[in-house]
Amino acid sequence: MKTDPDARFDAKFRRAAGCWIWTGAIARGYGKFWSGTRLVMAHRFAWERAHGPISPGLCVCHTCDVPNCVRPDHLFLGTNADNAADKVAKGRQSHARGELCGMAKLTRGDVARIRRAKGTHVSVAASFNVTAYHVGRIRRGVRWPS
């Protein structure tokens, strides 16, 4: 016996006065839902259920900025450019550079030592646990500009 996708969907989020929070499967902060024929993002399913099909090339964006919110009136359609502009306008764009970036392997001191170091890109890279390509870009000022 197959179950109704709408009934299954309704059982997987918590309604509140604000956001309707998805409590089902989550990937990268966004809800995932098996529609019966395909795996979809929960907020996209919520949009289609409330408003109909999504035109190709459009994103379903959140006015509330809560990725696992599935409340239809918190969602709007836009292009990737619209979504990026919304992110910048709301101050959610990361501006972390250098060692403030969570992915950084090097500090400013390391970069200064790389620039002063004698030897090939390969030998210097090995001592800092980065690639020779990265060392070359640091030495040329493409990465970690002065």
C-alpha atoms as a PDB file:
ATOM      1  CA  MET A   1       0.000   0.000   0.000  1.00  0.00           C
ATOM      2  CA  LYS A   2       1.418   3.383  -1.032  1.00  0.00           C
ATOM      3  CA  THR A   3       1.064   6.330   1.269  1.00  0.00           C
ATOM      4  CA  ASP A   4      -0.012   9.793   0.196  1.00  0.00           C
ATOM      5  CA  PRO A   5       3.070  12.045  -0.252  1.00  0.00           C
ATOM      6  CA  ASP A   6       1.186  15.043   1.178  1.00  0.00           C
ATOM      7  CA  ALA A   7       0.312  13.150   4.361  1.00  0.00           C
ATOM      8  CA  ARG A   8       3.905  11.914   4.746  1.00  0.00           C
ATOM      9  CA  PHE A   9       5.212  15.436   4.133  1.00  0.00           C
ATOM     10  CA  ASP A  10       2.865  16.949   6.744  1.00  0.00           C
ATOM     11  CA  ALA A  11       4.130  14.459   9.332  1.00  0.00           C
ATOM     12  CA  LYS A  12       7.749  15.604   8.840  1.00  0.00           C
ATOM     13  CA  PHE A  13       7.652  19.222   9.956  1.00  0.00           C
ATOM     14  CA  ARG A  14       6.674  21.183  13.037  1.00  0.00           C
ATOM     15  CA  ARG A  15       4.245  24.083  12.517  1.00  0.00           C
ATOM     16  CA  ALA A  16       4.903  27.150  14.623  1.00  0.00           C
ATOM     17  CA  ALA A  17       3.936  30.818  14.563  1.00  0.00           C
ATOM     18  CA  GLY A  18       7.153  31.528  12.650  1.00  0.00           C
ATOM     19  CA  CYS A  19       9.001  28.947  10.588  1.00  0.00           C
ATOM     20  CA  TRP A  20       7.712  25.455   9.902  1.00  0.00           C
ATOM     21  CA  ILE A  21      10.795  23.406  10.737  1.00  0.00           C
ATOM     22  CA  TRP A  22      11.505  20.244   8.759  1.00  0.00           C
ATOM     23  CA  THR A  23      12.151  17.299  11.112  1.00  0.00           C
ATOM     24  CA  GLY A  24      12.751  14.658   8.442  1.00  0.00           C
ATOM     25  CA  ALA A  25      16.022  13.931   6.662  1.00  0.00           C
ATOM     26  CA  ILE A  26      18.462  16.836   6.396  1.00  0.00           C
ATOM     27  CA  ALA A  27      21.440  17.309   4.089  1.00  0.00           C
ATOM     28  CA  ARG A  28      23.620  20.438   4.273  1.00  0.00           C
ATOM     29  CA  GLY A  29      20.964  22.125   6.409  1.00  0.00           C
ATOM     30  CA  TYR A  30      18.132  21.567   3.916  1.00  0.00           C
ATOM     31  CA  GLY A  31      15.292  19.095   4.273  1.00  0.00           C
ATOM     32  CA  LYS A  32      15.149  16.123   1.914  1.00  0.00           C
ATOM     33  CA  PHE A  33      11.925  14.330   1.049  1.00  0.00           C
ATOM     34  CA  TRP A  34      11.044  11.268  -1.025  1.00  0.00           C
ATOM     35  CA  SER A  35       8.061  12.403  -3.092  1.00  0.00           C
ATOM     36  CA  GLY A  36       7.202   8.864  -4.129  1.00  0.00           C
ATOM     37  CA  THR A  37       9.020   9.183  -7.442  1.00  0.00           C
ATOM     38  CA  ARG A  38      12.161  11.174  -6.603  1.00  0.00           C
ATOM     39  CA  LEU A  39      14.203  12.684  -3.785  1.00  0.00           C
ATOM     40  CA  VAL A  40      13.528  16.432  -3.586  1.00  0.00           C
ATOM     41  CA  MET A  41      14.467  19.308  -1.347  1.00  0.00           C
ATOM     42  CA  ALA A  42      11.645  19.720   1.167  1.00  0.00           C
ATOM     43  CA  HIS A  43      11.273  23.461   0.642  1.00  0.00           C
ATOM     44  CA  ARG A  44      10.917  22.913  -3.123  1.00  0.00           C
ATOM     45  CA  PHE A  45       8.215  20.288  -2.484  1.00  0.00           C
ATOM     46  CA  ALA A  46       6.449  22.764  -0.163  1.00  0.00           C
ATOM     47  CA  TRP A  47       6.560  25.457  -2.854  1.00  0.00           C
ATOM     48  CA  GLU A  48       5.226  23.168  -5.582  1.00  0.00           C
ATOM     49  CA  ARG A  49       2.477  21.883  -3.313  1.00  0.00           C
ATOM     50  CA  ALA A  50       1.322  25.432  -2.533  1.00  0.00           C
ATOM     51  CA  HIS A  51       1.994  27.207  -5.842  1.00  0.00           C
ATOM     52  CA  GLY A  52       2.565  24.658  -8.601  1.00  0.00           C
ATOM     53  CA  PRO A  53       5.583  23.703 -10.714  1.00  0.00           C
ATOM     54  CA  ILE A  54       8.880  25.561 -10.554  1.00  0.00           C
ATOM     55  CA  SER A  55      10.160  26.810 -13.900  1.00  0.00           C
ATOM     56  CA  PRO A  56      13.550  25.441 -14.966  1.00  0.00           C
ATOM     57  CA  GLY A  57      16.459  27.545 -13.749  1.00  0.00           C
ATOM     58  CA  LEU A  58      14.659  28.973 -10.732  1.00  0.00           C
ATOM     59  CA  CYS A  59      15.567  28.488  -7.083  1.00  0.00           C
ATOM     60  CA  VAL A  60      13.209  28.406  -4.124  1.00  0.00           C
ATOM     61  CA  CYS A  61      14.664  30.965  -1.718  1.00  0.00           C
ATOM     62  CA  HIS A  62      13.877  31.641   1.948  1.00  0.00           C
ATOM     63  CA  THR A  63      12.767  35.059   3.205  1.00  0.00           C
ATOM     64  CA  CYS A  64      13.449  33.792   6.737  1.00  0.00           C
ATOM     65  CA  ASP A  65      16.953  32.485   5.924  1.00  0.00           C
ATOM     66  CA  VAL A  66      16.223  29.195   7.704  1.00  0.00           C
ATOM     67  CA  PRO A  67      17.282  26.405   5.316  1.00  0.00           C
ATOM     68  CA  ASN A  68      15.022  23.741   6.856  1.00  0.00           C
ATOM     69  CA  CYS A  69      11.910  25.976   6.890  1.00  0.00           C
ATOM     70  CA  VAL A  70       9.104  24.653   4.662  1.00  0.00           C
ATOM     71  CA  ARG A  71       6.473  27.329   5.323  1.00  0.00           C
ATOM     72  CA  PRO A  72       5.218  28.381   1.853  1.00  0.00           C
ATOM     73  CA  ASP A  73       4.834  32.069   2.725  1.00  0.00           C
ATOM     74  CA  HIS A  74       8.502  32.132   3.794  1.00  0.00           C
ATOM     75  CA  LEU A  75       9.547  31.027   0.295  1.00  0.00           C
ATOM     76  CA  PHE A  76       9.958  32.894  -2.983  1.00  0.00           C
ATOM     77  CA  LEU A  77      11.200  32.045  -6.460  1.00  0.00           C
ATOM     78  CA  GLY A  78      14.343  33.589  -7.895  1.00  0.00           C
ATOM     79  CA  THR A  79      17.357  32.929 -10.057  1.00  0.00           C
ATOM     80  CA  ASN A  80      20.779  32.010  -8.666  1.00  0.00           C
ATOM     81  CA  ALA A  81      21.694  35.688  -9.056  1.00  0.00           C
ATOM     82  CA  ASP A  82      18.592  36.734  -7.080  1.00  0.00           C
ATOM     83  CA  ASN A  83      19.486  34.259  -4.333  1.00  0.00           C
ATOM     84  CA  ALA A  84      23.091  35.524  -4.189  1.00  0.00           C
ATOM     85  CA  ALA A  85      21.937  39.180  -4.092  1.00  0.00           C
ATOM     86  CA  ASP A  86      19.488  38.342  -1.282  1.00  0.00           C
ATOM     87  CA  LYS A  87      22.339  36.723   0.662  1.00  0.00           C
ATOM     88  CA  VAL A  88      24.548  39.806   0.281  1.00  0.00           C
ATOM     89  CA  ALA A  89      21.694  42.231   1.088  1.00  0.00           C
ATOM     90  CA  LYS A  90      21.007  40.367   4.332  1.00  0.00           C
ATOM     91  CA  GLY A  91      24.670  40.292   5.358  1.00  0.00           C
ATOM     92  CA  ARG A  92      25.037  36.517   5.104  1.00  0.00           C
ATOM     93  CA  GLN A  93      27.953  36.707   2.657  1.00  0.00           C
ATOM     94  CA  SER A  94      31.161  35.522   4.265  1.00  0.00           C
ATOM     95  CA  HIS A  95      34.022  37.985   3.994  1.00  0.00           C
ATOM     96  CA  ALA A  96      36.495  35.937   6.004  1.00  0.00           C
ATOM     97  CA  ARG A  97      39.897  36.088   4.388  1.00  0.00           C
ATOM     98  CA  GLY A  98      43.297  34.757   5.282  1.00  0.00           C
ATOM     99  CA  GLU A  99      43.627  33.035   8.623  1.00  0.00           C
ATOM    100  CA  LEU A 100      40.111  34.196   9.633  1.00  0.00           C
ATOM    101  CA  CYS A 101      38.689  31.803   7.042  1.00  0.00           C
ATOM    102  CA  GLY A 102      37.680  28.544   8.695  1.00  0.00           C
ATOM    103  CA  MET A 103      39.364  26.539   5.930  1.00  0.00           C
ATOM    104  CA  ALA A 104      42.755  28.280   6.255  1.00  0.00           C
ATOM    105  CA  LYS A 105      45.788  26.070   6.783  1.00  0.00           C
ATOM    106  CA  LEU A 106      48.223  28.961   6.999  1.00  0.00           C
ATOM    107  CA  THR A 107      48.690  32.006   9.190  1.00  0.00           C
ATOM    108  CA  ARG A 108      50.104  35.382   8.106  1.00  0.00           C
ATOM    109  CA  GLY A 109      53.376  34.313   9.720  1.00  0.00           C
ATOM    110  CA  ASP A 110      53.449  31.124   7.630  1.00  0.00           C
ATOM    111  CA  VAL A 111      52.856  33.162   4.470  1.00  0.00           C
ATOM    112  CA  ALA A 112      55.716  35.519   5.333  1.00  0.00           C
ATOM    113  CA  ARG A 113      58.010  32.507   5.919  1.00  0.00           C
ATOM    114  CA  ILE A 114      56.916  30.964   2.589  1.00  0.00           C
ATOM    115  CA  ARG A 115      57.808  34.182   0.772  1.00  0.00           C
ATOM    116  CA  ARG A 116      61.251  34.327   2.446  1.00  0.00           C
ATOM    117  CA  ALA A 117      61.974  30.589   2.117  1.00  0.00           C
ATOM    118  CA  LYS A 118      64.720  29.409  -0.201  1.00  0.00           C
ATOM    119  CA  GLY A 119      64.079  26.381  -2.362  1.00  0.00           C
ATOM    120  CA  THR A 120      61.585  25.134  -4.876  1.00  0.00           C
ATOM    121  CA  HIS A 121      57.837  25.453  -4.550  1.00  0.00           C
ATOM    122  CA  VAL A 122      57.738  21.689  -3.957  1.00  0.00           C
ATOM    123  CA  SER A 123      60.247  21.695  -1.084  1.00  0.00           C
ATOM    124  CA  VAL A 124      58.639  24.698   0.616  1.00  0.00           C
ATOM    125  CA  ALA A 125      55.133  23.242   0.157  1.00  0.00           C
ATOM    126  CA  ALA A 126      56.165  20.003   1.867  1.00  0.00           C
ATOM    127  CA  SER A 127      57.286  21.844   4.998  1.00  0.00           C
ATOM    128  CA  PHE A 128      53.962  23.739   5.252  1.00  0.00           C
ATOM    129  CA  ASN A 129      51.662  20.849   4.238  1.00  0.00           C
ATOM    130  CA  VAL A 130      50.236  22.693   1.224  1.00  0.00           C
ATOM    131  CA  THR A 131      50.617  22.188  -2.521  1.00  0.00           C
ATOM    132  CA  ALA A 132      53.441  23.552  -4.649  1.00  0.00           C
ATOM    133  CA  TYR A 133      50.769  25.279  -6.753  1.00  0.00           C
ATOM    134  CA  HIS A 134      49.563  27.134  -3.634  1.00  0.00           C
ATOM    135  CA  VAL A 135      53.126  28.159  -2.709  1.00  0.00           C
ATOM    136  CA  GLY A 136      53.626  29.546  -6.217  1.00  0.00           C
ATOM    137  CA  ARG A 137      50.428  31.587  -5.971  1.00  0.00           C
ATOM    138  CA  ILE A 138      51.476  32.944  -2.565  1.00  0.00           C
ATOM    139  CA  ARG A 139      54.926  33.893  -3.835  1.00  0.00           C
ATOM    140  CA  ARG A 140      53.424  35.693  -6.868  1.00  0.00           C
ATOM    141  CA  GLY A 141      50.927  37.560  -4.659  1.00  0.00           C
ATOM    142  CA  VAL A 142      47.849  35.919  -6.212  1.00  0.00           C
ATOM    143  CA  ARG A 143      46.953  34.366  -2.855  1.00  0.00           C
ATOM    144  CA  TRP A 144      47.428  36.158   0.426  1.00  0.00           C
ATOM    145  CA  PRO A 145      48.182  39.531  -1.194  1.00  0.00           C
ATOM    146  CA  SER A 146      50.373  41.884   0.860  1.00  0.00           C
END
